Amino acid sequence: MSVRRVQPAESVVVVVDVQERLAPAMPEAQLAALTRAATVLIEGAGLLGAGVLATEQYPKGLGPTIPRIQEKLDAAGVTVLPKMTFSACEAEGFEALWTKRGARVAIVVGMETHVCVYQTVRDLCAQGIEVLVPADGVASRREDHRQVGLDLCRSAGATITTMETVVFDWLRVAGTEPFRMLSKLIR
């Protein structure tokens, strides 16, 4: 398998179910890393021309997206898709938005790694979409579940990576204005 450079114009960041009532169940360090990864990727997508899609699992019960990520989604003009299915791919409107974007690469972040993230990744891979899963952009209540989820994502065909790897691949060169802006966020 060869790995090629990820172009922002053919990429979509998929933010899966980072919600207020689910977040407190996540280990604090995982939630902090996921929040950082998601916010940088959303901002990077806006600066460099990648798309962003976001979902909420049963928002009536699990609440809205956490404020730090929702602020970035709002600034990017992203409408969050509610869902009852575990895979984001089955959320009403997801396929139409994906098709409209014409992307061939998904960068999937969110929670929980072994359930909604994994099922989303599996469905995207089954459609022939190249999928990247930043290990610092996913969380589960238990570390063993998070690790199993990452292993399952890899088995489904995804590349496990990091948020910084994706952003610097998008940037390609240092010294540009987007590089300076994103470098400040990453520090």
N, C-alpha and C. Protein backbone atom coordinates (compact mmCIF):
# COMPACT_ATOMS: atom_id res chain seq x y z
N MET A 1 0.85 -1.19 0.00
CA MET A 1 0.00 0.00 0.00
C MET A 1 0.89 1.24 0.00
N SER A 2 0.60 2.17 -0.88
CA SER A 2 1.35 3.41 -0.86
C SER A 2 0.49 4.50 -0.24
N VAL A 3 1.15 5.42 0.39
CA VAL A 3 0.45 6.54 1.01
C VAL A 3 0.81 7.79 0.22
N ARG A 4 -0.18 8.49 -0.25
CA ARG A 4 0.09 9.70 -1.02
C ARG A 4 -0.32 10.94 -0.23
N ARG A 5 0.18 12.07 -0.68
CA ARG A 5 -0.12 13.34 0.00
C ARG A 5 -1.62 13.61 0.00
N VAL A 6 -2.11 14.09 1.12
CA VAL A 6 -3.52 14.44 1.26
C VAL A 6 -3.70 15.90 0.86
N GLN A 7 -4.54 16.12 -0.12
CA GLN A 7 -4.82 17.47 -0.60
C GLN A 7 -6.06 18.02 0.12
N PRO A 8 -5.99 19.24 0.64
CA PRO A 8 -7.16 19.79 1.34
C PRO A 8 -8.42 19.82 0.48
N ALA A 9 -8.29 20.16 -0.79
CA ALA A 9 -9.47 20.29 -1.66
C ALA A 9 -10.23 18.99 -1.85
N GLU A 10 -9.57 17.85 -1.60
CA GLU A 10 -10.25 16.57 -1.75
C GLU A 10 -10.51 15.89 -0.40
N SER A 11 -10.43 16.68 0.67
CA SER A 11 -10.58 16.16 2.03
C SER A 11 -11.82 16.71 2.72
N VAL A 12 -12.36 15.89 3.62
CA VAL A 12 -13.44 16.33 4.51
C VAL A 12 -13.11 15.84 5.92
N VAL A 13 -13.16 16.74 6.87
CA VAL A 13 -13.04 16.38 8.28
C VAL A 13 -14.44 15.96 8.75
N VAL A 14 -14.54 14.77 9.31
CA VAL A 14 -15.81 14.26 9.81
C VAL A 14 -15.74 14.21 11.33
N VAL A 15 -16.54 15.06 11.98
CA VAL A 15 -16.56 15.15 13.45
C VAL A 15 -17.77 14.35 13.94
N VAL A 16 -17.48 13.27 14.66
CA VAL A 16 -18.52 12.32 15.06
C VAL A 16 -18.84 12.45 16.55
N ASP A 17 -19.99 13.00 16.87
CA ASP A 17 -20.64 12.87 18.18
C ASP A 17 -19.82 13.34 19.39
N VAL A 18 -19.22 14.50 19.31
CA VAL A 18 -18.47 15.04 20.45
C VAL A 18 -19.45 15.90 21.26
N GLN A 19 -20.23 15.24 22.12
CA GLN A 19 -21.40 15.86 22.73
C GLN A 19 -21.28 16.06 24.24
N GLU A 20 -22.02 17.07 24.71
CA GLU A 20 -21.93 17.52 26.10
C GLU A 20 -22.19 16.43 27.14
N ARG A 21 -23.18 15.59 26.93
CA ARG A 21 -23.50 14.59 27.96
C ARG A 21 -22.64 13.33 27.86
N LEU A 22 -21.97 13.16 26.74
CA LEU A 22 -21.06 12.03 26.57
C LEU A 22 -19.64 12.40 26.99
N ALA A 23 -19.26 13.65 26.79
CA ALA A 23 -17.89 14.11 27.06
C ALA A 23 -17.41 13.84 28.49
N PRO A 24 -18.22 14.06 29.54
CA PRO A 24 -17.72 13.83 30.90
C PRO A 24 -17.34 12.37 31.18
N ALA A 25 -17.83 11.44 30.39
CA ALA A 25 -17.49 10.02 30.58
C ALA A 25 -16.13 9.67 29.99
N MET A 26 -15.56 10.58 29.20
CA MET A 26 -14.27 10.33 28.56
C MET A 26 -13.13 10.66 29.52
N PRO A 27 -12.02 9.92 29.45
CA PRO A 27 -10.84 10.30 30.24
C PRO A 27 -10.43 11.72 29.87
N GLU A 28 -10.08 12.50 30.88
CA GLU A 28 -9.81 13.92 30.69
C GLU A 28 -8.75 14.19 29.62
N ALA A 29 -7.66 13.43 29.63
CA ALA A 29 -6.58 13.66 28.65
C ALA A 29 -7.05 13.34 27.24
N GLN A 30 -7.85 12.28 27.08
CA GLN A 30 -8.38 11.94 25.74
C GLN A 30 -9.30 13.04 25.24
N LEU A 31 -10.17 13.54 26.11
CA LEU A 31 -11.11 14.58 25.70
C LEU A 31 -10.36 15.85 25.31
N ALA A 32 -9.34 16.20 26.08
CA ALA A 32 -8.54 17.39 25.76
C ALA A 32 -7.84 17.23 24.41
N ALA A 33 -7.26 16.06 24.17
CA ALA A 33 -6.58 15.81 22.90
C ALA A 33 -7.56 15.83 21.73
N LEU A 34 -8.70 15.19 21.91
CA LEU A 34 -9.73 15.16 20.86
C LEU A 34 -10.20 16.58 20.55
N THR A 35 -10.47 17.36 21.57
CA THR A 35 -10.95 18.74 21.38
C THR A 35 -9.91 19.56 20.62
N ARG A 36 -8.67 19.43 21.02
CA ARG A 36 -7.57 20.15 20.35
C ARG A 36 -7.48 19.71 18.89
N ALA A 37 -7.47 18.40 18.65
CA ALA A 37 -7.34 17.89 17.28
C ALA A 37 -8.50 18.36 16.41
N ALA A 38 -9.71 18.24 16.93
CA ALA A 38 -10.90 18.62 16.14
C ALA A 38 -10.90 20.11 15.83
N THR A 39 -10.60 20.94 16.81
CA THR A 39 -10.64 22.39 16.57
C THR A 39 -9.57 22.82 15.57
N VAL A 40 -8.37 22.25 15.68
CA VAL A 40 -7.30 22.60 14.73
C VAL A 40 -7.66 22.11 13.32
N LEU A 41 -8.19 20.89 13.22
CA LEU A 41 -8.57 20.37 11.90
C LEU A 41 -9.70 21.19 11.27
N ILE A 42 -10.68 21.59 12.07
CA ILE A 42 -11.78 22.40 11.53
C ILE A 42 -11.25 23.75 11.04
N GLU A 43 -10.40 24.37 11.85
CA GLU A 43 -9.83 25.66 11.46
C GLU A 43 -8.93 25.51 10.23
N GLY A 44 -8.11 24.45 10.24
CA GLY A 44 -7.24 24.18 9.10
C GLY A 44 -8.04 23.93 7.82
N ALA A 45 -9.14 23.21 7.96
CA ALA A 45 -10.00 22.95 6.81
C ALA A 45 -10.50 24.26 6.22
N GLY A 46 -10.91 25.18 7.09
CA GLY A 46 -11.39 26.47 6.62
C GLY A 46 -10.32 27.29 5.92
N LEU A 47 -9.11 27.27 6.45
CA LEU A 47 -8.01 28.03 5.86
C LEU A 47 -7.54 27.46 4.53
N LEU A 48 -7.60 26.13 4.41
CA LEU A 48 -6.98 25.48 3.27
C LEU A 48 -7.95 24.90 2.25
N GLY A 49 -9.25 24.99 2.52
CA GLY A 49 -10.24 24.57 1.53
C GLY A 49 -10.74 23.15 1.65
N ALA A 50 -10.53 22.51 2.79
CA ALA A 50 -11.13 21.19 3.02
C ALA A 50 -12.56 21.38 3.53
N GLY A 51 -13.35 20.33 3.44
CA GLY A 51 -14.73 20.39 3.94
C GLY A 51 -14.81 19.90 5.37
N VAL A 52 -15.95 20.12 5.98
CA VAL A 52 -16.21 19.64 7.34
C VAL A 52 -17.66 19.16 7.41
N LEU A 53 -17.85 17.97 7.97
CA LEU A 53 -19.18 17.44 8.28
C LEU A 53 -19.18 17.07 9.76
N ALA A 54 -20.32 17.17 10.42
CA ALA A 54 -20.40 16.84 11.84
C ALA A 54 -21.74 16.20 12.15
N THR A 55 -21.71 15.28 13.13
CA THR A 55 -22.93 14.60 13.55
C THR A 55 -23.08 14.65 15.07
N GLU A 56 -24.31 14.42 15.50
CA GLU A 56 -24.64 14.25 16.92
C GLU A 56 -25.52 13.02 17.06
N GLN A 57 -25.11 12.12 17.93
CA GLN A 57 -25.88 10.91 18.21
C GLN A 57 -27.00 11.24 19.18
N TYR A 58 -28.23 10.99 18.81
CA TYR A 58 -29.39 11.18 19.68
C TYR A 58 -29.23 12.45 20.54
N PRO A 59 -29.24 13.63 19.90
CA PRO A 59 -28.99 14.88 20.62
C PRO A 59 -29.96 15.14 21.78
N LYS A 60 -31.19 14.62 21.69
CA LYS A 60 -32.14 14.80 22.79
C LYS A 60 -31.61 14.18 24.08
N GLY A 61 -30.93 13.06 23.97
CA GLY A 61 -30.40 12.38 25.15
C GLY A 61 -28.96 12.73 25.48
N LEU A 62 -28.12 12.93 24.43
CA LEU A 62 -26.69 13.17 24.66
C LEU A 62 -26.30 14.65 24.55
N GLY A 63 -27.27 15.49 24.25
CA GLY A 63 -27.02 16.92 24.20
C GLY A 63 -26.31 17.36 22.94
N PRO A 64 -26.01 18.66 22.86
CA PRO A 64 -25.36 19.21 21.68
C PRO A 64 -23.85 18.95 21.69
N THR A 65 -23.22 19.31 20.60
CA THR A 65 -21.76 19.27 20.49
C THR A 65 -21.16 20.18 21.55
N ILE A 66 -20.00 19.78 22.10
CA ILE A 66 -19.38 20.59 23.16
C ILE A 66 -19.05 21.99 22.61
N PRO A 67 -19.14 23.01 23.46
CA PRO A 67 -19.03 24.39 22.99
C PRO A 67 -17.76 24.73 22.19
N ARG A 68 -16.58 24.28 22.62
CA ARG A 68 -15.34 24.65 21.90
C ARG A 68 -15.36 24.16 20.47
N ILE A 69 -15.91 22.98 20.24
CA ILE A 69 -15.98 22.47 18.87
C ILE A 69 -17.14 23.11 18.13
N GLN A 70 -18.28 23.30 18.80
CA GLN A 70 -19.43 23.93 18.15
C GLN A 70 -19.10 25.33 17.66
N GLU A 71 -18.31 26.08 18.43
CA GLU A 71 -17.90 27.42 18.00
C GLU A 71 -17.15 27.37 16.67
N LYS A 72 -16.25 26.41 16.54
CA LYS A 72 -15.49 26.27 15.28
C LYS A 72 -16.40 25.82 14.14
N LEU A 73 -17.33 24.91 14.44
CA LEU A 73 -18.28 24.47 13.42
C LEU A 73 -19.15 25.64 12.95
N ASP A 74 -19.62 26.45 13.90
CA ASP A 74 -20.44 27.62 13.56
C ASP A 74 -19.64 28.59 12.68
N ALA A 75 -18.40 28.84 13.07
CA ALA A 75 -17.56 29.77 12.30
C ALA A 75 -17.32 29.25 10.89
N ALA A 76 -17.31 27.92 10.73
CA ALA A 76 -17.10 27.31 9.41
C ALA A 76 -18.41 27.14 8.64
N GLY A 77 -19.53 27.51 9.26
CA GLY A 77 -20.83 27.39 8.59
C GLY A 77 -21.32 25.95 8.47
N VAL A 78 -20.91 25.09 9.40
CA VAL A 78 -21.27 23.68 9.34
C VAL A 78 -22.56 23.43 10.12
N THR A 79 -23.52 22.79 9.49
CA THR A 79 -24.74 22.37 10.16
C THR A 79 -24.52 20.94 10.66
N VAL A 80 -24.72 20.74 11.95
CA VAL A 80 -24.54 19.41 12.55
C VAL A 80 -25.74 18.54 12.21
N LEU A 81 -25.46 17.31 11.77
CA LEU A 81 -26.52 16.37 11.40
C LEU A 81 -26.88 15.48 12.58
N PRO A 82 -28.13 15.49 13.02
CA PRO A 82 -28.53 14.56 14.09
C PRO A 82 -28.66 13.16 13.52
N LYS A 83 -28.44 12.15 14.37
CA LYS A 83 -28.56 10.77 13.90
C LYS A 83 -28.97 9.85 15.03
N MET A 84 -29.51 8.74 14.65
CA MET A 84 -29.81 7.66 15.60
C MET A 84 -28.96 6.44 15.28
N THR A 85 -28.45 6.37 14.06
CA THR A 85 -27.58 5.27 13.66
C THR A 85 -26.20 5.51 14.26
N PHE A 86 -25.44 4.45 14.43
CA PHE A 86 -24.09 4.62 14.97
C PHE A 86 -23.14 5.18 13.92
N SER A 87 -23.25 4.73 12.68
CA SER A 87 -22.40 5.25 11.61
C SER A 87 -22.90 6.62 11.15
N ALA A 88 -21.98 7.57 11.08
CA ALA A 88 -22.33 8.90 10.57
C ALA A 88 -22.79 8.82 9.12
N CYS A 89 -22.30 7.83 8.39
CA CYS A 89 -22.66 7.68 6.97
C CYS A 89 -24.15 7.49 6.78
N GLU A 90 -24.83 6.99 7.81
CA GLU A 90 -26.26 6.75 7.70
C GLU A 90 -27.11 7.90 8.23
N ALA A 91 -26.47 8.96 8.69
CA ALA A 91 -27.22 10.14 9.13
C ALA A 91 -27.92 10.76 7.93
N GLU A 92 -29.16 11.19 8.13
CA GLU A 92 -29.91 11.82 7.05
C GLU A 92 -29.16 13.06 6.57
N GLY A 93 -28.89 13.10 5.30
CA GLY A 93 -28.20 14.24 4.70
C GLY A 93 -26.70 14.04 4.53
N PHE A 94 -26.12 13.06 5.21
CA PHE A 94 -24.67 12.87 5.16
C PHE A 94 -24.21 12.55 3.73
N GLU A 95 -24.86 11.57 3.12
CA GLU A 95 -24.44 11.14 1.77
C GLU A 95 -24.56 12.29 0.77
N ALA A 96 -25.62 13.05 0.85
CA ALA A 96 -25.81 14.18 -0.08
C ALA A 96 -24.71 15.22 0.10
N LEU A 97 -24.37 15.54 1.36
CA LEU A 97 -23.31 16.51 1.61
C LEU A 97 -21.96 15.98 1.15
N TRP A 98 -21.71 14.69 1.39
CA TRP A 98 -20.45 14.08 0.95
C TRP A 98 -20.35 14.14 -0.57
N THR A 99 -21.42 13.75 -1.25
CA THR A 99 -21.43 13.72 -2.71
C THR A 99 -21.25 15.12 -3.27
N LYS A 100 -21.92 16.09 -2.68
CA LYS A 100 -21.81 17.49 -3.13
C LYS A 100 -20.36 17.97 -3.03
N ARG A 101 -19.68 17.57 -1.97
CA ARG A 101 -18.29 17.99 -1.76
C ARG A 101 -17.35 17.32 -2.77
N GLY A 102 -17.66 16.08 -3.17
CA GLY A 102 -16.82 15.38 -4.13
C GLY A 102 -15.48 14.96 -3.56
N ALA A 103 -15.42 14.74 -2.28
CA ALA A 103 -14.15 14.39 -1.63
C ALA A 103 -13.82 12.92 -1.81
N ARG A 104 -12.53 12.62 -1.70
CA ARG A 104 -12.10 11.23 -1.75
C ARG A 104 -11.34 10.82 -0.49
N VAL A 105 -11.16 11.78 0.45
CA VAL A 105 -10.45 11.51 1.70
C VAL A 105 -11.29 12.01 2.87
N ALA A 106 -11.43 11.15 3.89
CA ALA A 106 -12.11 11.55 5.13
C ALA A 106 -11.10 11.51 6.26
N ILE A 107 -11.12 12.55 7.08
CA ILE A 107 -10.34 12.58 8.31
C ILE A 107 -11.38 12.51 9.42
N VAL A 108 -11.42 11.37 10.13
CA VAL A 108 -12.50 11.11 11.08
C VAL A 108 -11.99 11.28 12.51
N VAL A 109 -12.68 12.15 13.25
CA VAL A 109 -12.40 12.36 14.68
C VAL A 109 -13.72 12.23 15.45
N GLY A 110 -13.63 11.94 16.75
CA GLY A 110 -14.85 11.92 17.54
C GLY A 110 -14.87 10.84 18.59
N MET A 111 -16.09 10.48 18.99
CA MET A 111 -16.27 9.50 20.05
C MET A 111 -17.53 8.69 19.78
N GLU A 112 -17.63 7.51 20.28
CA GLU A 112 -16.57 6.75 20.87
C GLU A 112 -15.86 5.95 19.79
N THR A 113 -14.57 5.77 19.97
CA THR A 113 -13.71 5.16 18.96
C THR A 113 -14.20 3.80 18.52
N HIS A 114 -14.62 2.98 19.47
CA HIS A 114 -14.96 1.58 19.17
C HIS A 114 -16.40 1.39 18.69
N VAL A 115 -17.19 2.47 18.67
CA VAL A 115 -18.59 2.35 18.25
C VAL A 115 -18.82 3.27 17.04
N CYS A 116 -19.19 4.51 17.27
CA CYS A 116 -19.59 5.40 16.18
C CYS A 116 -18.43 5.75 15.24
N VAL A 117 -17.24 6.00 15.80
CA VAL A 117 -16.10 6.30 14.94
C VAL A 117 -15.78 5.09 14.07
N TYR A 118 -15.65 3.93 14.69
CA TYR A 118 -15.33 2.72 13.94
C TYR A 118 -16.37 2.42 12.85
N GLN A 119 -17.65 2.47 13.20
CA GLN A 119 -18.67 2.13 12.21
C GLN A 119 -18.69 3.14 11.05
N THR A 120 -18.41 4.39 11.35
CA THR A 120 -18.31 5.42 10.31
C THR A 120 -17.11 5.12 9.40
N VAL A 121 -15.97 4.83 10.02
CA VAL A 121 -14.76 4.52 9.26
C VAL A 121 -14.97 3.30 8.38
N ARG A 122 -15.54 2.26 8.94
CA ARG A 122 -15.79 1.02 8.18
C ARG A 122 -16.67 1.31 6.95
N ASP A 123 -17.73 2.10 7.15
CA ASP A 123 -18.63 2.40 6.04
C ASP A 123 -17.94 3.25 4.96
N LEU A 124 -17.14 4.23 5.39
CA LEU A 124 -16.42 5.06 4.42
C LEU A 124 -15.41 4.23 3.63
N CYS A 125 -14.65 3.39 4.33
CA CYS A 125 -13.67 2.52 3.66
C CYS A 125 -14.37 1.58 2.67
N ALA A 126 -15.52 1.06 3.05
CA ALA A 126 -16.27 0.14 2.17
C ALA A 126 -16.71 0.84 0.88
N GLN A 127 -16.81 2.17 0.92
CA GLN A 127 -17.19 2.94 -0.27
C GLN A 127 -15.98 3.33 -1.11
N GLY A 128 -14.79 2.88 -0.70
CA GLY A 128 -13.58 3.20 -1.44
C GLY A 128 -12.98 4.55 -1.11
N ILE A 129 -13.43 5.15 -0.02
CA ILE A 129 -12.91 6.44 0.41
C ILE A 129 -11.66 6.20 1.24
N GLU A 130 -10.63 7.01 1.00
CA GLU A 130 -9.41 6.94 1.82
C GLU A 130 -9.74 7.58 3.16
N VAL A 131 -9.46 6.87 4.25
CA VAL A 131 -9.83 7.35 5.58
C VAL A 131 -8.59 7.46 6.46
N LEU A 132 -8.46 8.61 7.10
CA LEU A 132 -7.40 8.86 8.08
C LEU A 132 -8.06 9.05 9.44
N VAL A 133 -7.52 8.39 10.46
CA VAL A 133 -8.04 8.53 11.82
C VAL A 133 -6.90 9.03 12.72
N PRO A 134 -6.93 10.31 13.09
CA PRO A 134 -5.92 10.80 14.02
C PRO A 134 -6.12 10.16 15.40
N ALA A 135 -5.10 9.46 15.88
CA ALA A 135 -5.20 8.79 17.18
C ALA A 135 -5.46 9.78 18.30
N ASP A 136 -4.98 11.02 18.13
CA ASP A 136 -5.21 12.05 19.15
C ASP A 136 -6.56 12.74 18.97
N GLY A 137 -7.35 12.30 18.00
CA GLY A 137 -8.65 12.91 17.72
C GLY A 137 -9.83 12.01 18.02
N VAL A 138 -9.59 10.92 18.76
CA VAL A 138 -10.67 10.00 19.10
C VAL A 138 -10.61 9.64 20.58
N ALA A 139 -11.78 9.30 21.14
CA ALA A 139 -11.85 8.96 22.56
C ALA A 139 -12.91 7.90 22.80
N SER A 140 -12.67 7.10 23.83
CA SER A 140 -13.65 6.14 24.36
C SER A 140 -13.55 6.20 25.88
N ARG A 141 -14.60 5.74 26.53
CA ARG A 141 -14.60 5.78 27.99
C ARG A 141 -13.45 4.99 28.60
N ARG A 142 -13.06 3.92 27.93
CA ARG A 142 -11.97 3.09 28.43
C ARG A 142 -10.85 3.05 27.39
N GLU A 143 -9.61 3.07 27.84
CA GLU A 143 -8.47 3.06 26.92
C GLU A 143 -8.44 1.78 26.09
N ASP A 144 -8.79 0.63 26.70
CA ASP A 144 -8.78 -0.61 25.92
C ASP A 144 -9.82 -0.55 24.79
N HIS A 145 -10.95 0.08 25.04
CA HIS A 145 -11.96 0.24 23.98
C HIS A 145 -11.47 1.19 22.89
N ARG A 146 -10.78 2.24 23.30
CA ARG A 146 -10.20 3.18 22.32
C ARG A 146 -9.18 2.45 21.44
N GLN A 147 -8.34 1.65 22.06
CA GLN A 147 -7.31 0.93 21.30
C GLN A 147 -7.93 -0.10 20.36
N VAL A 148 -8.93 -0.83 20.86
CA VAL A 148 -9.63 -1.79 19.99
C VAL A 148 -10.28 -1.05 18.83
N GLY A 149 -10.89 0.10 19.10
CA GLY A 149 -11.49 0.89 18.03
C GLY A 149 -10.48 1.31 16.97
N LEU A 150 -9.29 1.76 17.41
CA LEU A 150 -8.25 2.12 16.45
C LEU A 150 -7.80 0.91 15.64
N ASP A 151 -7.65 -0.24 16.31
CA ASP A 151 -7.28 -1.47 15.61
C ASP A 151 -8.33 -1.86 14.58
N LEU A 152 -9.61 -1.74 14.96
CA LEU A 152 -10.69 -2.06 14.03
C LEU A 152 -10.71 -1.10 12.84
N CYS A 153 -10.45 0.18 13.10
CA CYS A 153 -10.38 1.16 12.01
C CYS A 153 -9.26 0.79 11.04
N ARG A 154 -8.12 0.41 11.58
CA ARG A 154 -6.99 -0.01 10.74
C ARG A 154 -7.37 -1.25 9.93
N SER A 155 -8.01 -2.22 10.57
CA SER A 155 -8.43 -3.44 9.88
C SER A 155 -9.44 -3.15 8.77
N ALA A 156 -10.25 -2.11 8.96
CA ALA A 156 -11.24 -1.73 7.95
C ALA A 156 -10.60 -1.05 6.75
N GLY A 157 -9.33 -0.62 6.91
CA GLY A 157 -8.62 0.00 5.81
C GLY A 157 -8.16 1.42 6.05
N ALA A 158 -8.42 1.96 7.24
CA ALA A 158 -8.02 3.33 7.55
C ALA A 158 -6.54 3.40 7.90
N THR A 159 -5.98 4.59 7.72
CA THR A 159 -4.62 4.88 8.17
C THR A 159 -4.73 5.60 9.51
N ILE A 160 -4.05 5.08 10.52
CA ILE A 160 -4.03 5.74 11.83
C ILE A 160 -2.89 6.76 11.78
N THR A 161 -3.18 7.97 12.17
CA THR A 161 -2.24 9.07 12.03
C THR A 161 -2.37 10.00 13.22
N THR A 162 -1.95 11.24 13.08
CA THR A 162 -2.16 12.27 14.11
C THR A 162 -2.69 13.53 13.43
N MET A 163 -3.27 14.40 14.23
CA MET A 163 -3.77 15.67 13.70
C MET A 163 -2.65 16.46 13.05
N GLU A 164 -1.47 16.53 13.71
CA GLU A 164 -0.36 17.30 13.15
C GLU A 164 0.10 16.74 11.82
N THR A 165 0.13 15.42 11.69
CA THR A 165 0.54 14.81 10.43
C THR A 165 -0.39 15.25 9.31
N VAL A 166 -1.69 15.24 9.56
CA VAL A 166 -2.66 15.67 8.55
C VAL A 166 -2.46 17.14 8.20
N VAL A 167 -2.37 18.00 9.21
CA VAL A 167 -2.26 19.44 8.96
C VAL A 167 -0.99 19.78 8.19
N PHE A 168 0.14 19.20 8.58
CA PHE A 168 1.38 19.52 7.88
C PHE A 168 1.42 18.91 6.48
N ASP A 169 0.72 17.80 6.27
CA ASP A 169 0.59 17.25 4.92
C ASP A 169 -0.25 18.21 4.07
N TRP A 170 -1.33 18.72 4.64
CA TRP A 170 -2.14 19.71 3.93
C TRP A 170 -1.30 20.94 3.57
N LEU A 171 -0.49 21.42 4.52
CA LEU A 171 0.28 22.65 4.32
C LEU A 171 1.38 22.50 3.27
N ARG A 172 2.08 21.38 3.29
CA ARG A 172 3.14 21.05 2.36
C ARG A 172 4.42 21.84 2.54
N VAL A 173 4.36 23.15 2.80
CA VAL A 173 5.56 23.99 2.94
C VAL A 173 5.40 24.93 4.14
N ALA A 174 6.53 25.31 4.70
CA ALA A 174 6.56 26.29 5.79
C ALA A 174 6.64 27.70 5.21
N GLY A 175 6.42 28.68 6.07
CA GLY A 175 6.64 30.06 5.67
C GLY A 175 5.44 30.76 5.06
N THR A 176 4.35 30.05 4.85
CA THR A 176 3.16 30.68 4.27
C THR A 176 2.29 31.24 5.40
N GLU A 177 1.34 32.07 5.03
CA GLU A 177 0.43 32.62 6.05
C GLU A 177 -0.40 31.51 6.71
N PRO A 178 -0.97 30.57 5.95
CA PRO A 178 -1.68 29.47 6.62
C PRO A 178 -0.76 28.67 7.56
N PHE A 179 0.50 28.46 7.17
CA PHE A 179 1.45 27.77 8.04
C PHE A 179 1.61 28.53 9.36
N ARG A 180 1.80 29.84 9.27
CA ARG A 180 1.98 30.64 10.50
C ARG A 180 0.73 30.57 11.39
N MET A 181 -0.45 30.66 10.77
CA MET A 181 -1.70 30.63 11.54
C MET A 181 -1.90 29.27 12.21
N LEU A 182 -1.69 28.20 11.45
CA LEU A 182 -1.92 26.86 12.00
C LEU A 182 -0.82 26.46 13.00
N SER A 183 0.40 26.92 12.77
CA SER A 183 1.49 26.63 13.71
C SER A 183 1.18 27.19 15.09
N LYS A 184 0.58 28.38 15.12
CA LYS A 184 0.19 28.99 16.40
C LYS A 184 -0.84 28.12 17.13
N LEU A 185 -1.77 27.54 16.39
CA LEU A 185 -2.79 26.68 17.00
C LEU A 185 -2.18 25.38 17.52
N ILE A 186 -1.21 24.87 16.81
CA ILE A 186 -0.62 23.58 17.16
C ILE A 186 0.30 23.68 18.37
N ARG A 187 0.97 24.80 18.53
CA ARG A 187 1.92 24.96 19.64
C ARG A 187 1.33 24.70 20.98
